[in-house]
Amino acid sequence: MNLQIFGTRKCHETRRAEMFFKERRIPYQFIDLAEKGISQGELRSVQASIPLDQLIDTEGKEYERRNLKYLRFDKEKTLLNYPLLLKTPVVRDGNRATVGYCSDVWKEWIQADQKRTE
């Protein structure tokens, strides 16, 4: 597995996702969206599993601050420029991705990965 967790240190769900993988001793790379954004390639990889509409946190402070509720905007470009608009955590393993805390899906990933290595 080559896991990446995109989120912020303040996000409760992101911390839960990190704990999920730590408890299972599965290495991951944490990308703090408050410090560094998501790259275009990473976003497109996530987008293969999750539509852009589902990645935007329409309930978050950043969405309100940018007044995006009433504007038309390029979703991909906006997410690249303002990564705090992403719902968190975004967990990516290659072309597989989830948004939010999805322990059942991650367990399936782990089982599938274990079967491949046996």
Protein backbone atom coordinates (compact mmCIF):
# COMPACT_ATOMS: atom_id res chain seq x y z
CA MET A 1 0.00 0.00 0.00
CA ASN A 2 1.13 3.52 -0.78
CA LEU A 3 -1.26 5.58 1.33
CA GLN A 4 -1.62 9.32 1.48
CA ILE A 5 -3.87 11.11 3.94
CA PHE A 6 -4.82 14.67 3.04
CA GLY A 7 -6.23 16.71 5.90
CA THR A 8 -5.42 19.18 8.63
CA ARG A 9 -4.05 18.66 12.12
CA LYS A 10 -7.16 20.31 13.58
CA CYS A 11 -9.59 17.96 11.84
CA HIS A 12 -11.00 15.29 14.15
CA GLU A 13 -11.86 12.91 11.29
CA THR A 14 -8.34 13.22 9.87
CA ARG A 15 -6.84 12.32 13.25
CA ARG A 16 -9.18 9.31 13.43
CA ALA A 17 -8.01 8.18 9.98
CA GLU A 18 -4.37 8.49 11.03
CA MET A 19 -5.08 6.46 14.18
CA PHE A 20 -6.82 3.77 12.11
CA PHE A 21 -3.68 3.18 10.04
CA LYS A 22 -1.26 3.60 12.96
CA GLU A 23 -3.11 0.93 14.96
CA ARG A 24 -2.65 -1.46 12.05
CA ARG A 25 0.99 -0.42 11.54
CA ILE A 26 0.31 0.63 7.98
CA PRO A 27 2.67 3.38 6.81
CA TYR A 28 1.18 6.47 5.23
CA GLN A 29 2.20 9.93 4.11
CA PHE A 30 0.32 12.80 5.77
CA ILE A 31 -0.21 15.97 3.74
CA ASP A 32 -1.34 18.92 5.84
CA LEU A 33 -3.60 20.99 3.60
CA ALA A 34 -3.02 24.05 5.79
CA GLU A 35 0.67 23.95 4.82
CA LYS A 36 0.77 22.29 1.42
CA GLY A 37 -1.97 21.74 -1.10
CA ILE A 38 -2.84 18.80 -3.27
CA SER A 39 -1.07 18.55 -6.61
CA GLN A 40 -2.94 18.44 -9.89
CA GLY A 41 -1.90 14.81 -10.47
CA GLU A 42 -3.01 13.78 -6.98
CA LEU A 43 -6.34 15.57 -7.41
CA ARG A 44 -6.97 13.88 -10.75
CA SER A 45 -6.11 10.51 -9.22
CA VAL A 46 -8.62 11.13 -6.42
CA GLN A 47 -11.13 12.39 -8.97
CA ALA A 48 -11.00 8.99 -10.70
CA SER A 49 -12.83 7.60 -7.64
CA ILE A 50 -14.70 10.64 -6.32
CA PRO A 51 -16.44 13.38 -8.33
CA LEU A 52 -15.20 16.92 -7.65
CA ASP A 53 -18.63 17.94 -6.33
CA GLN A 54 -18.24 15.46 -3.47
CA LEU A 55 -14.76 16.72 -2.59
CA ILE A 56 -15.78 20.31 -1.92
CA ASP A 57 -16.73 21.04 1.68
CA THR A 58 -19.76 23.26 1.16
CA GLU A 59 -20.34 23.40 4.93
CA GLY A 60 -16.82 24.59 5.78
CA LYS A 61 -15.47 27.99 6.76
CA GLU A 62 -13.33 28.32 3.64
CA TYR A 63 -16.34 27.85 1.36
CA GLU A 64 -18.22 30.56 3.21
CA ARG A 65 -15.18 32.86 3.39
CA ARG A 66 -14.73 32.66 -0.38
CA ASN A 67 -18.49 33.22 -0.88
CA LEU A 68 -18.63 30.32 -3.35
CA LYS A 69 -22.26 29.49 -2.67
CA TYR A 70 -23.41 32.08 -5.20
CA LEU A 71 -20.55 31.90 -7.68
CA ARG A 72 -19.77 29.71 -10.65
CA PHE A 73 -16.20 28.55 -10.53
CA ASP A 74 -13.77 26.04 -12.00
CA LYS A 75 -13.84 23.35 -9.30
CA GLU A 76 -10.49 21.76 -10.09
CA LYS A 77 -8.64 25.07 -10.30
CA THR A 78 -10.30 26.34 -7.12
CA LEU A 79 -9.39 23.18 -5.16
CA LEU A 80 -5.79 23.43 -6.36
CA ASN A 81 -5.59 27.09 -5.30
CA TYR A 82 -7.54 26.70 -2.04
CA PRO A 83 -6.93 23.18 -0.68
CA LEU A 84 -8.79 23.94 2.56
CA LEU A 85 -11.99 23.63 0.51
CA LEU A 86 -11.50 19.84 0.42
CA LYS A 87 -13.60 17.65 2.69
CA THR A 88 -11.22 15.79 4.95
CA PRO A 89 -9.73 13.35 5.28
CA VAL A 90 -9.04 12.35 1.70
CA VAL A 91 -7.31 8.97 1.80
CA ARG A 92 -5.66 7.84 -1.40
CA ASP A 93 -3.97 4.59 -2.35
CA GLY A 94 -2.98 4.78 -5.98
CA ASN A 95 -6.18 5.23 -7.97
CA ARG A 96 -8.41 4.32 -5.03
CA ALA A 97 -9.64 7.14 -2.84
CA THR A 98 -12.15 7.95 -0.13
CA VAL A 99 -13.36 11.18 1.42
CA GLY A 100 -14.32 11.27 5.08
CA TYR A 101 -13.78 8.53 7.65
CA CYS A 102 -14.38 5.23 5.78
CA SER A 103 -12.94 2.45 7.93
CA ASP A 104 -14.98 -0.29 6.19
CA VAL A 105 -13.54 0.65 2.80
CA TRP A 106 -10.00 0.85 4.20
CA LYS A 107 -10.37 -2.60 5.75
CA GLU A 108 -11.31 -3.95 2.31
CA TRP A 109 -8.21 -2.27 0.83
CA ILE A 110 -6.02 -3.88 3.50
CA GLN A 111 -7.54 -7.33 2.93
CA ALA A 112 -7.16 -7.04 -0.85
CA ASP A 113 -3.55 -5.93 -0.45
CA GLN A 114 -2.80 -8.83 1.90
CA LYS A 115 -4.30 -11.33 -0.59
CA ARG A 116 -2.12 -9.90 -3.37
CA THR A 117 1.07 -10.31 -1.32
CA GLU A 118 0.30 -13.92 -0.29
